[in-house]
Amino acid sequence: MNKEQAQAYIEQNIKEDDTLIGFFQAVSPPKIWMFFVLGPLAILSMRMYFLAVTERGIYFHKLSLLGKFEDSDFFEFDEIESVRIGKGILQRPMKFYFKNSRKIKVKAQLKGHKKIAKVTADVQSYIENRIPLAQ
């Protein structure tokens, strides 16, 4: 799915009193333990996301295996305890820690084809300013 289609979908599904700061494509890495159970089919445990950063929080729009929007989760910034943002050349690893002891690990796109929504410095700095960084 290209970024124009994703942007149209994301803007339709944002709450009315919220404004979009930016969005980017991310992928959750495969679970290592799945390789022992399923072998090469463990790649199917990877999930594609579009993360939409708004003034109130972050939307995690999950994509199906066929690239269609499946469902979404919204987390306000006060629900997120901290975030750890790593360094990378092609992808930037991000790990979100929530106050209910849940965590989501994704790798955000930094480089790639122009049709892919990439994380920008503005969006990353907005996330860092609204959520405390993990130690």
C-alpha atoms as a PDB file:
ATOM      1  CA  MET A   1       0.000   0.000   0.000  1.00  0.00           C
ATOM      2  CA  ASN A   2       1.451   3.373  -0.949  1.00  0.00           C
ATOM      3  CA  LYS A   3       1.563   6.356   1.350  1.00  0.00           C
ATOM      4  CA  GLU A   4      -1.188   8.349  -0.407  1.00  0.00           C
ATOM      5  CA  GLN A   5      -3.722   5.558   0.135  1.00  0.00           C
ATOM      6  CA  ALA A   6      -2.560   5.125   3.713  1.00  0.00           C
ATOM      7  CA  GLN A   7      -2.784   8.849   4.418  1.00  0.00           C
ATOM      8  CA  ALA A   8      -6.360   8.990   3.118  1.00  0.00           C
ATOM      9  CA  TYR A   9      -7.367   6.043   5.321  1.00  0.00           C
ATOM     10  CA  ILE A  10      -5.581   7.437   8.380  1.00  0.00           C
ATOM     11  CA  GLU A  11      -7.146  10.889   8.032  1.00  0.00           C
ATOM     12  CA  GLN A  12     -10.615   9.321   7.759  1.00  0.00           C
ATOM     13  CA  ASN A  13     -10.138   7.328  10.970  1.00  0.00           C
ATOM     14  CA  ILE A  14      -8.716  10.043  13.216  1.00  0.00           C
ATOM     15  CA  LYS A  15     -11.029  11.396  15.890  1.00  0.00           C
ATOM     16  CA  GLU A  16     -12.591  14.726  15.001  1.00  0.00           C
ATOM     17  CA  ASP A  17     -10.911  16.737  17.770  1.00  0.00           C
ATOM     18  CA  ASP A  18      -7.431  15.416  16.897  1.00  0.00           C
ATOM     19  CA  THR A  19      -4.903  16.531  14.266  1.00  0.00           C
ATOM     20  CA  LEU A  20      -2.347  14.438  12.436  1.00  0.00           C
ATOM     21  CA  ILE A  21       1.324  15.262  13.044  1.00  0.00           C
ATOM     22  CA  GLY A  22       2.733  12.552  10.782  1.00  0.00           C
ATOM     23  CA  PHE A  23       2.676   8.858   9.995  1.00  0.00           C
ATOM     24  CA  PHE A  24       5.112   6.165   8.950  1.00  0.00           C
ATOM     25  CA  GLN A  25       5.289   2.509   8.049  1.00  0.00           C
ATOM     26  CA  ALA A  26       6.756   0.027  10.517  1.00  0.00           C
ATOM     27  CA  VAL A  27       7.137  -3.721  10.852  1.00  0.00           C
ATOM     28  CA  SER A  28       7.241  -5.855  13.980  1.00  0.00           C
ATOM     29  CA  PRO A  29      10.164  -8.292  13.881  1.00  0.00           C
ATOM     30  CA  PRO A  30       9.445 -12.040  13.834  1.00  0.00           C
ATOM     31  CA  LYS A  31       9.351 -13.822  17.146  1.00  0.00           C
ATOM     32  CA  ILE A  32      12.524 -15.880  17.566  1.00  0.00           C
ATOM     33  CA  TRP A  33      10.809 -18.707  19.438  1.00  0.00           C
ATOM     34  CA  MET A  34       8.500 -19.222  16.450  1.00  0.00           C
ATOM     35  CA  PHE A  35      11.485 -20.366  14.362  1.00  0.00           C
ATOM     36  CA  PHE A  36      11.821 -23.397  16.641  1.00  0.00           C
ATOM     37  CA  VAL A  37       8.136 -24.249  16.255  1.00  0.00           C
ATOM     38  CA  LEU A  38       7.351 -23.347  12.646  1.00  0.00           C
ATOM     39  CA  GLY A  39      10.738 -23.018  10.998  1.00  0.00           C
ATOM     40  CA  PRO A  40      10.727 -20.653   8.003  1.00  0.00           C
ATOM     41  CA  LEU A  41       6.980 -20.053   8.395  1.00  0.00           C
ATOM     42  CA  ALA A  42       7.800 -17.968  11.470  1.00  0.00           C
ATOM     43  CA  ILE A  43       8.120 -15.021   9.084  1.00  0.00           C
ATOM     44  CA  LEU A  44       4.308 -15.025   9.052  1.00  0.00           C
ATOM     45  CA  SER A  45       4.404 -13.763  12.650  1.00  0.00           C
ATOM     46  CA  MET A  46       5.695 -10.405  11.395  1.00  0.00           C
ATOM     47  CA  ARG A  47       3.118  -7.601  11.342  1.00  0.00           C
ATOM     48  CA  MET A  48       3.018  -4.479   9.218  1.00  0.00           C
ATOM     49  CA  TYR A  49       1.801  -1.259  10.821  1.00  0.00           C
ATOM     50  CA  PHE A  50       1.156   2.322   9.927  1.00  0.00           C
ATOM     51  CA  LEU A  51       1.835   4.433  13.000  1.00  0.00           C
ATOM     52  CA  ALA A  52      -0.059   7.712  12.949  1.00  0.00           C
ATOM     53  CA  VAL A  53       1.200  10.292  15.437  1.00  0.00           C
ATOM     54  CA  THR A  54      -1.410  12.853  16.462  1.00  0.00           C
ATOM     55  CA  GLU A  55      -1.568  15.587  19.071  1.00  0.00           C
ATOM     56  CA  ARG A  56      -3.338  13.294  21.554  1.00  0.00           C
ATOM     57  CA  GLY A  57      -1.559   9.972  20.976  1.00  0.00           C
ATOM     58  CA  ILE A  58      -0.450   7.264  18.565  1.00  0.00           C
ATOM     59  CA  TYR A  59      -2.614   5.086  16.335  1.00  0.00           C
ATOM     60  CA  PHE A  60      -1.274   1.626  15.480  1.00  0.00           C
ATOM     61  CA  HIS A  61      -3.024   0.649  12.224  1.00  0.00           C
ATOM     62  CA  LYS A  62      -2.372  -3.059  11.621  1.00  0.00           C
ATOM     63  CA  LEU A  63      -2.243  -4.426   8.067  1.00  0.00           C
ATOM     64  CA  SER A  64      -3.274  -7.915   7.015  1.00  0.00           C
ATOM     65  CA  LEU A  65      -0.939 -10.241   5.115  1.00  0.00           C
ATOM     66  CA  LEU A  66      -2.461  -8.930   1.877  1.00  0.00           C
ATOM     67  CA  GLY A  67      -1.702  -5.305   2.784  1.00  0.00           C
ATOM     68  CA  LYS A  68      -5.239  -4.212   3.684  1.00  0.00           C
ATOM     69  CA  PHE A  69      -6.073  -2.321   6.856  1.00  0.00           C
ATOM     70  CA  GLU A  70      -7.258  -4.802   9.452  1.00  0.00           C
ATOM     71  CA  ASP A  71      -7.789  -2.944  12.713  1.00  0.00           C
ATOM     72  CA  SER A  72      -6.271  -0.184  14.797  1.00  0.00           C
ATOM     73  CA  ASP A  73      -5.352   0.598  18.373  1.00  0.00           C
ATOM     74  CA  PHE A  74      -5.126   4.077  19.837  1.00  0.00           C
ATOM     75  CA  PHE A  75      -2.906   4.932  22.785  1.00  0.00           C
ATOM     76  CA  GLU A  76      -2.890   8.341  24.390  1.00  0.00           C
ATOM     77  CA  PHE A  77       0.498   9.685  25.395  1.00  0.00           C
ATOM     78  CA  ASP A  78      -0.273   9.346  29.108  1.00  0.00           C
ATOM     79  CA  GLU A  79      -0.882   5.576  28.617  1.00  0.00           C
ATOM     80  CA  ILE A  80       2.650   5.120  27.260  1.00  0.00           C
ATOM     81  CA  GLU A  81       5.225   4.856  30.013  1.00  0.00           C
ATOM     82  CA  SER A  82       8.349   5.251  27.862  1.00  0.00           C
ATOM     83  CA  VAL A  83       9.841   4.651  24.446  1.00  0.00           C
ATOM     84  CA  ARG A  84      13.252   3.409  23.422  1.00  0.00           C
ATOM     85  CA  ILE A  85      14.383   4.610  19.998  1.00  0.00           C
ATOM     86  CA  GLY A  86      17.498   3.020  18.555  1.00  0.00           C
ATOM     87  CA  LYS A  87      19.760   3.918  15.695  1.00  0.00           C
ATOM     88  CA  GLY A  88      19.723   2.412  12.250  1.00  0.00           C
ATOM     89  CA  ILE A  89      20.614   3.019   8.629  1.00  0.00           C
ATOM     90  CA  LEU A  90      17.550   1.591   6.855  1.00  0.00           C
ATOM     91  CA  GLN A  91      15.195   1.044   9.788  1.00  0.00           C
ATOM     92  CA  ARG A  92      14.901   2.666  13.195  1.00  0.00           C
ATOM     93  CA  PRO A  93      13.978   0.248  16.021  1.00  0.00           C
ATOM     94  CA  MET A  94      11.369   1.549  18.478  1.00  0.00           C
ATOM     95  CA  LYS A  95      10.086  -0.152  21.591  1.00  0.00           C
ATOM     96  CA  PHE A  96       7.016   1.289  23.303  1.00  0.00           C
ATOM     97  CA  TYR A  97       6.489   0.440  26.982  1.00  0.00           C
ATOM     98  CA  PHE A  98       2.956   0.899  28.317  1.00  0.00           C
ATOM     99  CA  LYS A  99       1.755   1.461  31.870  1.00  0.00           C
ATOM    100  CA  ASN A 100      -0.181  -1.835  31.816  1.00  0.00           C
ATOM    101  CA  SER A 101       3.180  -3.691  31.345  1.00  0.00           C
ATOM    102  CA  ARG A 102       2.564  -4.271  27.633  1.00  0.00           C
ATOM    103  CA  LYS A 103       5.270  -3.518  25.083  1.00  0.00           C
ATOM    104  CA  ILE A 104       5.294  -3.209  21.318  1.00  0.00           C
ATOM    105  CA  LYS A 105       8.489  -3.496  19.321  1.00  0.00           C
ATOM    106  CA  VAL A 106       8.570  -2.140  15.756  1.00  0.00           C
ATOM    107  CA  LYS A 107      11.138  -1.104  13.189  1.00  0.00           C
ATOM    108  CA  ALA A 108      10.248   2.135  11.421  1.00  0.00           C
ATOM    109  CA  GLN A 109      11.294   2.745   7.824  1.00  0.00           C
ATOM    110  CA  LEU A 110      14.023   5.369   7.321  1.00  0.00           C
ATOM    111  CA  LYS A 111      14.990   4.739   3.717  1.00  0.00           C
ATOM    112  CA  GLY A 112      13.301   3.112   0.794  1.00  0.00           C
ATOM    113  CA  HIS A 113      11.158   3.700  -2.242  1.00  0.00           C
ATOM    114  CA  LYS A 114       9.398   7.057  -2.458  1.00  0.00           C
ATOM    115  CA  LYS A 115       5.985   5.359  -2.165  1.00  0.00           C
ATOM    116  CA  ILE A 116       6.803   4.132   1.354  1.00  0.00           C
ATOM    117  CA  ALA A 117       5.872   6.355   4.290  1.00  0.00           C
ATOM    118  CA  LYS A 118       9.072   6.914   6.234  1.00  0.00           C
ATOM    119  CA  VAL A 119       9.642   8.300   9.717  1.00  0.00           C
ATOM    120  CA  THR A 120      10.844  11.902   9.573  1.00  0.00           C
ATOM    121  CA  ALA A 121      12.961  13.796  12.066  1.00  0.00           C
ATOM    122  CA  ASP A 122       9.972  15.998  12.965  1.00  0.00           C
ATOM    123  CA  VAL A 123       7.751  13.034  13.836  1.00  0.00           C
ATOM    124  CA  GLN A 124      10.514  11.319  15.797  1.00  0.00           C
ATOM    125  CA  SER A 125      11.287  14.465  17.791  1.00  0.00           C
ATOM    126  CA  TYR A 126       7.556  14.915  18.523  1.00  0.00           C
ATOM    127  CA  ILE A 127       7.415  11.359  19.898  1.00  0.00           C
ATOM    128  CA  GLU A 128      10.540  11.972  21.986  1.00  0.00           C
ATOM    129  CA  ASN A 129       9.131  15.214  23.400  1.00  0.00           C
ATOM    130  CA  ARG A 130       5.740  13.725  24.355  1.00  0.00           C
ATOM    131  CA  ILE A 131       6.936  10.356  25.726  1.00  0.00           C
ATOM    132  CA  PRO A 132       9.845   9.943  28.154  1.00  0.00           C
ATOM    133  CA  LEU A 133      12.771   7.981  26.788  1.00  0.00           C
ATOM    134  CA  ALA A 134      13.587   4.612  28.371  1.00  0.00           C
ATOM    135  CA  GLN A 135      16.924   4.259  30.097  1.00  0.00           C
END
